[in-house]
């Protein structure tokens, strides 16, 4: 299989500019990079067509009714993990599904309205799937950090879903859909497509942003930006040192998620690295020596079947 070419230095500088401000104009990027405006426009189109970068609407988890996040490790008996992962990915409340290397077969992130809703998801949607023997749940009490600038952008990946009815009326939902397809579409173009004035579009977008229900984000394919390994780490941290450990973890660029958890393993993280070797060094040399870290268990996430990069936590 031919390896898809990654971005060059100009692409990377454009990606950095769009990440910093998804609504930055091509003219502003061109002036900053010292290239022509048509080159910037062409590069951004190519990055989207090559599934390297996409600007899209991202909805706040709580704004659409999810107050609880559960990180679950799943053990499978007698059937291929990939087939079961594909079935789990079809569940609406599932945020992400990953094949694992380690003491579990799958790592699944589940969103729920509350504890009762989570139990119904496990009992009525997960448990009936043949091959699932054990679902080990870890309840997230607080999302401390959640980066959503990486995601699987290839065609057909189960990553985007229609905005729920709770997020607004039909026009608001149609605006969000347009921005999910192309977050850099102009208000003028949306007004033409949706048959309303530009002022109406601006007012609806302002309300979504002011209410912290939606923002625009630049999402990139991590594999094409040098990420070769992702790890899920459960940590038991001494209670009186938990805050300081979380602050130190927050400063690590490789850490893309931090959750304050219930139970003995009271901190969970997701970390990205260039390779398994670098991921191991991160855990052994930077995280494990932190004062207060008592125990750690790590799962290597080998392949993603689903990741909802359209959902984030806006604070």
C-alpha atoms as a PDB file:
ATOM      1  CA  UNK A   1       0.000   0.000   0.000  1.00  0.00           C
ATOM      2  CA  UNK A   2       1.353   3.423  -0.971  1.00  0.00           C
ATOM      3  CA  UNK A   3       1.925   5.712   2.015  1.00  0.00           C
ATOM      4  CA  UNK A   4       0.024   8.982   1.776  1.00  0.00           C
ATOM      5  CA  UNK A   5       2.424  11.903   1.538  1.00  0.00           C
ATOM      6  CA  UNK A   6       2.566  14.168   4.544  1.00  0.00           C
ATOM      7  CA  UNK A   7       2.549  17.965   4.605  1.00  0.00           C
ATOM      8  CA  UNK A   8       5.626  19.992   3.645  1.00  0.00           C
ATOM      9  CA  UNK A   9       7.035  22.989   5.533  1.00  0.00           C
ATOM     10  CA  UNK A  10       4.631  25.473   3.904  1.00  0.00           C
ATOM     11  CA  UNK A  11       1.674  23.226   4.716  1.00  0.00           C
ATOM     12  CA  UNK A  12       2.798  22.977   8.341  1.00  0.00           C
ATOM     13  CA  UNK A  13       3.020  26.757   8.689  1.00  0.00           C
ATOM     14  CA  UNK A  14      -0.453  27.121   7.181  1.00  0.00           C
ATOM     15  CA  UNK A  15      -1.773  24.463   9.592  1.00  0.00           C
ATOM     16  CA  UNK A  16      -0.247  26.348  12.532  1.00  0.00           C
ATOM     17  CA  UNK A  17      -1.899  29.580  11.400  1.00  0.00           C
ATOM     18  CA  UNK A  18      -5.323  27.970  10.954  1.00  0.00           C
ATOM     19  CA  UNK A  19      -5.055  26.153  14.280  1.00  0.00           C
ATOM     20  CA  UNK A  20      -4.376  29.454  16.016  1.00  0.00           C
ATOM     21  CA  UNK A  21      -7.371  31.084  14.310  1.00  0.00           C
ATOM     22  CA  UNK A  22      -9.657  28.890  12.150  1.00  0.00           C
ATOM     23  CA  UNK A  23     -11.206  32.032  10.634  1.00  0.00           C
ATOM     24  CA  UNK A  24      -7.929  33.679   9.664  1.00  0.00           C
ATOM     25  CA  UNK A  25      -8.129  34.916   6.062  1.00  0.00           C
ATOM     26  CA  UNK A  26      -6.004  33.577   3.241  1.00  0.00           C
ATOM     27  CA  UNK A  27      -4.671  37.115   2.804  1.00  0.00           C
ATOM     28  CA  UNK A  28      -3.505  37.280   6.425  1.00  0.00           C
ATOM     29  CA  UNK A  29      -1.794  33.878   6.151  1.00  0.00           C
ATOM     30  CA  UNK A  30      -0.122  34.900   2.877  1.00  0.00           C
ATOM     31  CA  UNK A  31       1.267  38.079   4.447  1.00  0.00           C
ATOM     32  CA  UNK A  32       2.574  36.156   7.451  1.00  0.00           C
ATOM     33  CA  UNK A  33       4.224  33.422   5.369  1.00  0.00           C
ATOM     34  CA  UNK A  34       5.482  35.624   2.534  1.00  0.00           C
ATOM     35  CA  UNK A  35       3.648  33.707  -0.208  1.00  0.00           C
ATOM     36  CA  UNK A  36       0.804  34.638  -2.540  1.00  0.00           C
ATOM     37  CA  UNK A  37      -2.838  34.501  -1.496  1.00  0.00           C
ATOM     38  CA  UNK A  38      -3.753  32.021  -4.306  1.00  0.00           C
ATOM     39  CA  UNK A  39      -1.045  29.650  -3.048  1.00  0.00           C
ATOM     40  CA  UNK A  40      -2.548  29.715   0.451  1.00  0.00           C
ATOM     41  CA  UNK A  41      -6.047  29.054  -0.907  1.00  0.00           C
ATOM     42  CA  UNK A  42      -4.790  26.210  -3.068  1.00  0.00           C
ATOM     43  CA  UNK A  43      -2.810  24.647  -0.200  1.00  0.00           C
ATOM     44  CA  UNK A  44      -5.792  24.765   2.183  1.00  0.00           C
ATOM     45  CA  UNK A  45      -8.004  23.069  -0.445  1.00  0.00           C
ATOM     46  CA  UNK A  46      -5.350  20.396  -0.997  1.00  0.00           C
ATOM     47  CA  UNK A  47      -4.954  19.788   2.749  1.00  0.00           C
ATOM     48  CA  UNK A  48      -8.694  19.156   2.933  1.00  0.00           C
ATOM     49  CA  UNK A  49      -8.795  16.967  -0.181  1.00  0.00           C
ATOM     50  CA  UNK A  50      -5.839  14.904   1.098  1.00  0.00           C
ATOM     51  CA  UNK A  51      -7.605  14.482   4.467  1.00  0.00           C
ATOM     52  CA  UNK A  52      -4.728  16.149   6.317  1.00  0.00           C
ATOM     53  CA  UNK A  53      -6.589  19.146   7.785  1.00  0.00           C
ATOM     54  CA  UNK A  54     -10.205  20.206   8.043  1.00  0.00           C
ATOM     55  CA  UNK A  55     -11.829  23.187   9.743  1.00  0.00           C
ATOM     56  CA  UNK A  56     -15.122  22.136  11.269  1.00  0.00           C
ATOM     57  CA  UNK A  57     -17.793  23.066  13.816  1.00  0.00           C
ATOM     58  CA  UNK A  58     -17.178  21.497  17.226  1.00  0.00           C
ATOM     59  CA  UNK A  59     -19.999  21.235  19.774  1.00  0.00           C
ATOM     60  CA  UNK A  60     -19.659  21.375  23.541  1.00  0.00           C
ATOM     61  CA  UNK A  61     -20.371  18.025  25.207  1.00  0.00           C
ATOM     62  CA  UNK A  62     -22.531  19.509  27.956  1.00  0.00           C
ATOM     63  CA  UNK A  63     -24.405  21.807  25.583  1.00  0.00           C
ATOM     64  CA  UNK A  64     -25.805  18.739  23.807  1.00  0.00           C
ATOM     65  CA  UNK A  65     -26.825  17.036  27.039  1.00  0.00           C
ATOM     66  CA  UNK A  66     -23.862  14.894  28.111  1.00  0.00           C
ATOM     67  CA  UNK A  67     -22.792  15.499  31.713  1.00  0.00           C
ATOM     68  CA  UNK A  68     -20.809  12.286  32.207  1.00  0.00           C
ATOM     69  CA  UNK A  69     -17.799  10.756  30.478  1.00  0.00           C
ATOM     70  CA  UNK A  70     -16.777   7.144  31.026  1.00  0.00           C
ATOM     71  CA  UNK A  71     -13.466   5.632  29.926  1.00  0.00           C
ATOM     72  CA  UNK A  72     -13.976   1.887  29.507  1.00  0.00           C
ATOM     73  CA  UNK A  73     -11.582  -0.967  28.815  1.00  0.00           C
ATOM     74  CA  UNK A  74     -13.284  -3.938  27.195  1.00  0.00           C
ATOM     75  CA  UNK A  75     -12.197  -7.583  27.254  1.00  0.00           C
ATOM     76  CA  UNK A  76     -13.249  -9.843  24.385  1.00  0.00           C
ATOM     77  CA  UNK A  77     -13.511 -13.627  24.224  1.00  0.00           C
ATOM     78  CA  UNK A  78     -13.572 -15.800  21.120  1.00  0.00           C
ATOM     79  CA  UNK A  79     -14.181 -13.236  18.370  1.00  0.00           C
ATOM     80  CA  UNK A  80     -12.011 -10.786  16.392  1.00  0.00           C
ATOM     81  CA  UNK A  81     -11.647  -7.441  18.153  1.00  0.00           C
ATOM     82  CA  UNK A  82     -11.968  -5.367  14.974  1.00  0.00           C
ATOM     83  CA  UNK A  83     -15.472  -6.642  14.201  1.00  0.00           C
ATOM     84  CA  UNK A  84     -16.671  -5.893  17.721  1.00  0.00           C
ATOM     85  CA  UNK A  85     -15.026  -2.445  17.595  1.00  0.00           C
ATOM     86  CA  UNK A  86     -16.972  -1.687  14.404  1.00  0.00           C
ATOM     87  CA  UNK A  87     -20.262  -2.606  16.127  1.00  0.00           C
ATOM     88  CA  UNK A  88     -19.450  -0.474  19.170  1.00  0.00           C
ATOM     89  CA  UNK A  89     -18.606   2.453  16.879  1.00  0.00           C
ATOM     90  CA  UNK A  90     -22.231   2.442  15.673  1.00  0.00           C
ATOM     91  CA  UNK A  91     -23.490   3.394  19.159  1.00  0.00           C
ATOM     92  CA  UNK A  92     -24.433   7.090  19.194  1.00  0.00           C
ATOM     93  CA  UNK A  93     -23.081   7.747  22.694  1.00  0.00           C
ATOM     94  CA  UNK A  94     -19.655   6.303  21.920  1.00  0.00           C
ATOM     95  CA  UNK A  95     -17.091   9.097  21.588  1.00  0.00           C
ATOM     96  CA  UNK A  96     -14.164   6.911  20.508  1.00  0.00           C
ATOM     97  CA  UNK A  97     -13.231   3.251  19.960  1.00  0.00           C
ATOM     98  CA  UNK A  98      -9.657   1.965  19.788  1.00  0.00           C
ATOM     99  CA  UNK A  99      -7.992  -1.421  19.449  1.00  0.00           C
ATOM    100  CA  UNK A 100      -5.448  -1.937  22.238  1.00  0.00           C
ATOM    101  CA  UNK A 101      -2.157  -3.653  22.930  1.00  0.00           C
ATOM    102  CA  UNK A 102      -1.932  -4.618  26.587  1.00  0.00           C
ATOM    103  CA  UNK A 103      -4.217  -6.045  29.250  1.00  0.00           C
ATOM    104  CA  UNK A 104      -7.451  -5.110  27.419  1.00  0.00           C
ATOM    105  CA  UNK A 105      -8.707  -5.520  23.860  1.00  0.00           C
ATOM    106  CA  UNK A 106     -10.553  -2.238  23.347  1.00  0.00           C
ATOM    107  CA  UNK A 107     -10.503   1.255  24.805  1.00  0.00           C
ATOM    108  CA  UNK A 108     -13.875   2.991  24.520  1.00  0.00           C
ATOM    109  CA  UNK A 109     -14.902   6.499  25.539  1.00  0.00           C
ATOM    110  CA  UNK A 110     -18.625   6.750  26.325  1.00  0.00           C
ATOM    111  CA  UNK A 111     -20.700   9.901  26.832  1.00  0.00           C
ATOM    112  CA  UNK A 112     -23.868   9.768  28.920  1.00  0.00           C
ATOM    113  CA  UNK A 113     -26.482  12.105  30.343  1.00  0.00           C
ATOM    114  CA  UNK A 114     -25.997  10.684  33.853  1.00  0.00           C
ATOM    115  CA  UNK A 115     -25.145   7.455  35.714  1.00  0.00           C
ATOM    116  CA  UNK A 116     -28.514   5.860  34.905  1.00  0.00           C
ATOM    117  CA  UNK A 117     -28.079   6.598  31.219  1.00  0.00           C
ATOM    118  CA  UNK A 118     -24.571   5.090  31.327  1.00  0.00           C
ATOM    119  CA  UNK A 119     -25.942   1.910  32.884  1.00  0.00           C
ATOM    120  CA  UNK A 120     -28.571   1.637  30.127  1.00  0.00           C
ATOM    121  CA  UNK A 121     -25.877   2.068  27.465  1.00  0.00           C
ATOM    122  CA  UNK A 122     -23.802  -0.724  28.972  1.00  0.00           C
ATOM    123  CA  UNK A 123     -26.734  -3.066  29.598  1.00  0.00           C
ATOM    124  CA  UNK A 124     -28.748  -2.519  26.413  1.00  0.00           C
ATOM    125  CA  UNK A 125     -26.167  -1.529  23.808  1.00  0.00           C
ATOM    126  CA  UNK A 126     -22.761  -2.946  24.821  1.00  0.00           C
ATOM    127  CA  UNK A 127     -23.642  -6.156  26.675  1.00  0.00           C
ATOM    128  CA  UNK A 128     -25.734  -7.692  23.850  1.00  0.00           C
ATOM    129  CA  UNK A 129     -22.751  -7.592  21.464  1.00  0.00           C
ATOM    130  CA  UNK A 130     -21.382 -11.131  21.088  1.00  0.00           C
ATOM    131  CA  UNK A 131     -17.814 -11.528  22.313  1.00  0.00           C
ATOM    132  CA  UNK A 132     -17.829  -8.824  24.988  1.00  0.00           C
ATOM    133  CA  UNK A 133     -16.962 -10.531  28.270  1.00  0.00           C
ATOM    134  CA  UNK A 134     -16.135  -7.605  30.556  1.00  0.00           C
ATOM    135  CA  UNK A 135     -16.590  -3.827  30.501  1.00  0.00           C
ATOM    136  CA  UNK A 136     -14.319  -2.159  33.062  1.00  0.00           C
ATOM    137  CA  UNK A 137     -15.577   1.402  33.598  1.00  0.00           C
ATOM    138  CA  UNK A 138     -13.699   4.452  34.880  1.00  0.00           C
ATOM    139  CA  UNK A 139     -15.928   7.466  35.568  1.00  0.00           C
ATOM    140  CA  UNK A 140     -14.486  10.887  34.793  1.00  0.00           C
ATOM    141  CA  UNK A 141     -15.449  13.378  37.500  1.00  0.00           C
ATOM    142  CA  UNK A 142     -13.912  16.318  35.661  1.00  0.00           C
ATOM    143  CA  UNK A 143     -12.421  16.822  32.210  1.00  0.00           C
ATOM    144  CA  UNK A 144      -9.297  18.852  32.951  1.00  0.00           C
ATOM    145  CA  UNK A 145      -7.903  18.862  29.406  1.00  0.00           C
ATOM    146  CA  UNK A 146      -9.361  17.706  26.097  1.00  0.00           C
ATOM    147  CA  UNK A 147      -7.589  18.531  22.860  1.00  0.00           C
ATOM    148  CA  UNK A 148      -9.729  17.938  19.787  1.00  0.00           C
ATOM    149  CA  UNK A 149      -7.388  19.052  17.017  1.00  0.00           C
ATOM    150  CA  UNK A 150      -6.563  15.485  15.907  1.00  0.00           C
ATOM    151  CA  UNK A 151      -8.935  13.060  14.207  1.00  0.00           C
ATOM    152  CA  UNK A 152      -9.359  10.431  11.498  1.00  0.00           C
ATOM    153  CA  UNK A 153     -10.310  12.428   8.395  1.00  0.00           C
ATOM    154  CA  UNK A 154     -10.471   9.682   5.778  1.00  0.00           C
ATOM    155  CA  UNK A 155     -13.789   9.270   3.911  1.00  0.00           C
ATOM    156  CA  UNK A 156     -16.313   7.105   5.704  1.00  0.00           C
ATOM    157  CA  UNK A 157     -14.786   7.428   9.168  1.00  0.00           C
ATOM    158  CA  UNK A 158     -17.607   7.540  11.770  1.00  0.00           C
ATOM    159  CA  UNK A 159     -16.599  10.855  13.288  1.00  0.00           C
ATOM    160  CA  UNK A 160     -19.319  13.396  12.530  1.00  0.00           C
ATOM    161  CA  UNK A 161     -22.984  13.260  13.442  1.00  0.00           C
ATOM    162  CA  UNK A 162     -25.933  15.551  12.823  1.00  0.00           C
ATOM    163  CA  UNK A 163     -26.346  18.186  15.563  1.00  0.00           C
ATOM    164  CA  UNK A 164     -29.005  17.143  18.097  1.00  0.00           C
ATOM    165  CA  UNK A 165     -32.368  18.914  18.326  1.00  0.00           C
ATOM    166  CA  UNK A 166     -31.382  20.299  21.744  1.00  0.00           C
ATOM    167  CA  UNK A 167     -28.748  22.581  20.206  1.00  0.00           C
ATOM    168  CA  UNK A 168     -31.248  24.890  18.490  1.00  0.00           C
ATOM    169  CA  UNK A 169     -33.948  25.218  15.835  1.00  0.00           C
ATOM    170  CA  UNK A 170     -33.763  23.909  12.273  1.00  0.00           C
ATOM    171  CA  UNK A 171     -31.907  26.952  10.933  1.00  0.00           C
ATOM    172  CA  UNK A 172     -29.259  26.767  13.679  1.00  0.00           C
ATOM    173  CA  UNK A 173     -28.775  23.067  13.000  1.00  0.00           C
ATOM    174  CA  UNK A 174     -28.441  23.727   9.249  1.00  0.00           C
ATOM    175  CA  UNK A 175     -25.792  26.387   9.956  1.00  0.00           C
ATOM    176  CA  UNK A 176     -23.858  23.902  12.105  1.00  0.00           C
ATOM    177  CA  UNK A 177     -24.094  21.260   9.352  1.00  0.00           C
ATOM    178  CA  UNK A 178     -22.637  23.683   6.808  1.00  0.00           C
ATOM    179  CA  UNK A 179     -19.766  24.472   9.192  1.00  0.00           C
ATOM    180  CA  UNK A 180     -19.164  20.777   9.868  1.00  0.00           C
ATOM    181  CA  UNK A 181     -18.598  20.292   6.146  1.00  0.00           C
ATOM    182  CA  UNK A 182     -16.428  23.410   5.767  1.00  0.00           C
ATOM    183  CA  UNK A 183     -15.684  25.562   8.787  1.00  0.00           C
ATOM    184  CA  UNK A 184     -14.201  28.280   6.564  1.00  0.00           C
ATOM    185  CA  UNK A 185     -17.356  28.778   4.479  1.00  0.00           C
ATOM    186  CA  UNK A 186     -18.324  32.461   4.402  1.00  0.00           C
ATOM    187  CA  UNK A 187     -21.492  33.884   5.929  1.00  0.00           C
ATOM    188  CA  UNK A 188     -22.380  35.112   2.443  1.00  0.00           C
ATOM    189  CA  UNK A 189     -22.197  31.599   1.016  1.00  0.00           C
ATOM    190  CA  UNK A 190     -24.249  30.168   3.895  1.00  0.00           C
ATOM    191  CA  UNK A 191     -26.888  32.878   3.514  1.00  0.00           C
ATOM    192  CA  UNK A 192     -27.177  31.994  -0.192  1.00  0.00           C
ATOM    193  CA  UNK A 193     -27.498  28.259   0.530  1.00  0.00           C
ATOM    194  CA  UNK A 194     -29.914  28.608   3.441  1.00  0.00           C
ATOM    195  CA  UNK A 195     -32.000  31.461   2.081  1.00  0.00           C
ATOM    196  CA  UNK A 196     -31.557  33.876   4.993  1.00  0.00           C
ATOM    197  CA  UNK A 197     -29.660  37.133   5.458  1.00  0.00           C
ATOM    198  CA  UNK A 198     -25.999  37.367   6.412  1.00  0.00           C
ATOM    199  CA  UNK A 199     -27.068  39.259   9.529  1.00  0.00           C
ATOM    200  CA  UNK A 200     -29.203  36.293  10.610  1.00  0.00           C
ATOM    201  CA  UNK A 201     -26.255  33.952  10.110  1.00  0.00           C
ATOM    202  CA  UNK A 202     -23.979  36.249  12.133  1.00  0.00           C
ATOM    203  CA  UNK A 203     -26.493  36.499  14.988  1.00  0.00           C
ATOM    204  CA  UNK A 204     -26.993  32.724  15.170  1.00  0.00           C
ATOM    205  CA  UNK A 205     -23.235  32.119  15.197  1.00  0.00           C
ATOM    206  CA  UNK A 206     -22.676  34.794  17.851  1.00  0.00           C
ATOM    207  CA  UNK A 207     -25.240  33.174  20.128  1.00  0.00           C
ATOM    208  CA  UNK A 208     -23.673  29.707  19.711  1.00  0.00           C
ATOM    209  CA  UNK A 209     -20.223  31.096  20.566  1.00  0.00           C
ATOM    210  CA  UNK A 210     -21.437  33.320  23.423  1.00  0.00           C
ATOM    211  CA  UNK A 211     -23.349  30.387  24.939  1.00  0.00           C
ATOM    212  CA  UNK A 212     -20.169  28.260  24.622  1.00  0.00           C
ATOM    213  CA  UNK A 213     -22.152  25.702  22.672  1.00  0.00           C
ATOM    214  CA  UNK A 214     -19.940  25.681  19.562  1.00  0.00           C
ATOM    215  CA  UNK A 215     -16.596  26.792  18.250  1.00  0.00           C
ATOM    216  CA  UNK A 216     -14.645  26.321  15.039  1.00  0.00           C
ATOM    217  CA  UNK A 217     -11.585  24.094  15.200  1.00  0.00           C
ATOM    218  CA  UNK A 218      -8.857  22.916  12.841  1.00  0.00           C
ATOM    219  CA  UNK A 219      -8.589  19.111  12.920  1.00  0.00           C
ATOM    220  CA  UNK A 220      -5.543  17.294  11.535  1.00  0.00           C
ATOM    221  CA  UNK A 221      -4.721  13.643  10.895  1.00  0.00           C
ATOM    222  CA  UNK A 222      -2.148  12.818  13.620  1.00  0.00           C
ATOM    223  CA  UNK A 223      -0.498  10.058  11.596  1.00  0.00           C
ATOM    224  CA  UNK A 224       0.544  12.583   8.959  1.00  0.00           C
ATOM    225  CA  UNK A 225       1.956  14.969  11.557  1.00  0.00           C
ATOM    226  CA  UNK A 226       4.388  12.491  13.086  1.00  0.00           C
ATOM    227  CA  UNK A 227       2.229  10.806  15.747  1.00  0.00           C
ATOM    228  CA  UNK A 228       3.059   7.109  15.735  1.00  0.00           C
ATOM    229  CA  UNK A 229       1.823   6.027  19.159  1.00  0.00           C
ATOM    230  CA  UNK A 230      -1.017   6.872  21.538  1.00  0.00           C
ATOM    231  CA  UNK A 231      -1.254   5.621  25.104  1.00  0.00           C
ATOM    232  CA  UNK A 232      -4.018   5.511  27.720  1.00  0.00           C
ATOM    233  CA  UNK A 233      -2.548   5.817  31.201  1.00  0.00           C
ATOM    234  CA  UNK A 234      -4.427   5.221  34.453  1.00  0.00           C
ATOM    235  CA  UNK A 235      -2.639   6.645  37.479  1.00  0.00           C
ATOM    236  CA  UNK A 236      -3.006   6.319  41.236  1.00  0.00           C
ATOM    237  CA  UNK A 237      -1.879   9.671  42.633  1.00  0.00           C
ATOM    238  CA  UNK A 238      -1.482  10.545  46.309  1.00  0.00           C
ATOM    239  CA  UNK A 239      -4.577  12.588  47.200  1.00  0.00           C
ATOM    240  CA  UNK A 240      -2.857  15.684  48.579  1.00  0.00           C
ATOM    241  CA  UNK A 241      -0.620  15.904  45.501  1.00  0.00           C
ATOM    242  CA  UNK A 242      -3.258  15.321  42.829  1.00  0.00           C
ATOM    243  CA  UNK A 243      -3.668  18.997  41.907  1.00  0.00           C
ATOM    244  CA  UNK A 244       0.064  19.530  41.428  1.00  0.00           C
ATOM    245  CA  UNK A 245       0.461  16.336  39.368  1.00  0.00           C
ATOM    246  CA  UNK A 246      -2.424  17.393  37.106  1.00  0.00           C
ATOM    247  CA  UNK A 247      -0.802  20.815  36.659  1.00  0.00           C
ATOM    248  CA  UNK A 248       2.478  19.158  35.629  1.00  0.00           C
ATOM    249  CA  UNK A 249       0.665  16.838  33.219  1.00  0.00           C
ATOM    250  CA  UNK A 250      -1.147  19.812  31.711  1.00  0.00           C
ATOM    251  CA  UNK A 251       2.197  21.366  30.758  1.00  0.00           C
ATOM    252  CA  UNK A 252       3.271  18.306  28.755  1.00  0.00           C
ATOM    253  CA  UNK A 253       2.569  18.907  25.067  1.00  0.00           C
ATOM    254  CA  UNK A 254       2.216  15.165  24.470  1.00  0.00           C
ATOM    255  CA  UNK A 255      -0.729  14.884  26.881  1.00  0.00           C
ATOM    256  CA  UNK A 256      -3.957  15.477  24.943  1.00  0.00           C
ATOM    257  CA  UNK A 257      -6.491  14.439  27.612  1.00  0.00           C
ATOM    258  CA  UNK A 258      -6.534  14.626  31.399  1.00  0.00           C
ATOM    259  CA  UNK A 259      -9.409  13.338  33.496  1.00  0.00           C
ATOM    260  CA  UNK A 260      -9.887  13.512  37.259  1.00  0.00           C
ATOM    261  CA  UNK A 261     -11.380  10.100  37.926  1.00  0.00           C
ATOM    262  CA  UNK A 262     -13.357   8.231  40.550  1.00  0.00           C
ATOM    263  CA  UNK A 263     -11.736   5.244  42.278  1.00  0.00           C
ATOM    264  CA  UNK A 264      -8.179   4.375  43.281  1.00  0.00           C
ATOM    265  CA  UNK A 265      -6.864   5.289  39.828  1.00  0.00           C
ATOM    266  CA  UNK A 266      -7.818   8.925  40.250  1.00  0.00           C
ATOM    267  CA  UNK A 267      -6.116  10.437  37.191  1.00  0.00           C
ATOM    268  CA  UNK A 268      -6.305   9.293  33.570  1.00  0.00           C
ATOM    269  CA  UNK A 269      -4.482  10.679  30.557  1.00  0.00           C
ATOM    270  CA  UNK A 270      -4.123  10.134  26.841  1.00  0.00           C
ATOM    271  CA  UNK A 271      -0.685  10.887  25.432  1.00  0.00           C
ATOM    272  CA  UNK A 272       0.689  11.056  21.886  1.00  0.00           C
ATOM    273  CA  UNK A 273       4.266  10.396  20.799  1.00  0.00           C
ATOM    274  CA  UNK A 274       6.318   9.841  17.669  1.00  0.00           C
ATOM    275  CA  UNK A 275       6.790   6.147  18.451  1.00  0.00           C
ATOM    276  CA  UNK A 276       6.201   3.488  21.093  1.00  0.00           C
ATOM    277  CA  UNK A 277       9.765   4.089  22.258  1.00  0.00           C
ATOM    278  CA  UNK A 278       9.092   7.793  22.809  1.00  0.00           C
ATOM    279  CA  UNK A 279       5.786   7.013  24.512  1.00  0.00           C
ATOM    280  CA  UNK A 280       7.599   4.651  26.858  1.00  0.00           C
ATOM    281  CA  UNK A 281      10.232   7.308  27.599  1.00  0.00           C
ATOM    282  CA  UNK A 282       7.503   9.883  28.293  1.00  0.00           C
ATOM    283  CA  UNK A 283       5.849   7.588  30.836  1.00  0.00           C
ATOM    284  CA  UNK A 284       9.072   6.345  32.427  1.00  0.00           C
ATOM    285  CA  UNK A 285      11.146   9.537  32.446  1.00  0.00           C
ATOM    286  CA  UNK A 286       8.619  12.368  32.779  1.00  0.00           C
ATOM    287  CA  UNK A 287       5.391  11.047  34.297  1.00  0.00           C
ATOM    288  CA  UNK A 288       6.332   8.181  36.598  1.00  0.00           C
ATOM    289  CA  UNK A 289       8.936  10.230  38.567  1.00  0.00           C
ATOM    290  CA  UNK A 290       6.416  12.984  39.414  1.00  0.00           C
ATOM    291  CA  UNK A 291       6.117  13.226  43.215  1.00  0.00           C
ATOM    292  CA  UNK A 292       2.802  11.745  44.268  1.00  0.00           C
ATOM    293  CA  UNK A 293       2.454   9.211  41.443  1.00  0.00           C
ATOM    294  CA  UNK A 294       2.079   5.854  43.207  1.00  0.00           C
ATOM    295  CA  UNK A 295       1.111   3.475  40.385  1.00  0.00           C
ATOM    296  CA  UNK A 296       0.561   3.558  36.629  1.00  0.00           C
ATOM    297  CA  UNK A 297      -0.936   1.181  34.086  1.00  0.00           C
ATOM    298  CA  UNK A 298      -0.632   1.852  30.370  1.00  0.00           C
ATOM    299  CA  UNK A 299      -2.495   0.665  27.278  1.00  0.00           C
ATOM    300  CA  UNK A 300      -1.155   1.289  23.798  1.00  0.00           C
ATOM    301  CA  UNK A 301      -3.931   2.298  21.408  1.00  0.00           C
ATOM    302  CA  UNK A 302      -3.122   0.532  18.152  1.00  0.00           C
ATOM    303  CA  UNK A 303      -5.926   1.583  15.804  1.00  0.00           C
ATOM    304  CA  UNK A 304      -8.850   3.990  15.961  1.00  0.00           C
ATOM    305  CA  UNK A 305     -12.262   2.850  14.742  1.00  0.00           C
ATOM    306  CA  UNK A 306     -14.017   6.053  15.752  1.00  0.00           C
ATOM    307  CA  UNK A 307     -13.177   9.436  17.210  1.00  0.00           C
ATOM    308  CA  UNK A 308     -15.750  12.225  17.542  1.00  0.00           C
ATOM    309  CA  UNK A 309     -13.530  15.217  16.828  1.00  0.00           C
ATOM    310  CA  UNK A 310     -16.703  17.285  16.435  1.00  0.00           C
ATOM    311  CA  UNK A 311     -17.301  17.097  20.215  1.00  0.00           C
ATOM    312  CA  UNK A 312     -15.217  19.057  22.737  1.00  0.00           C
ATOM    313  CA  UNK A 313     -15.386  20.606  26.190  1.00  0.00           C
ATOM    314  CA  UNK A 314     -15.608  24.404  26.011  1.00  0.00           C
ATOM    315  CA  UNK A 315     -14.795  26.082  29.328  1.00  0.00           C
END
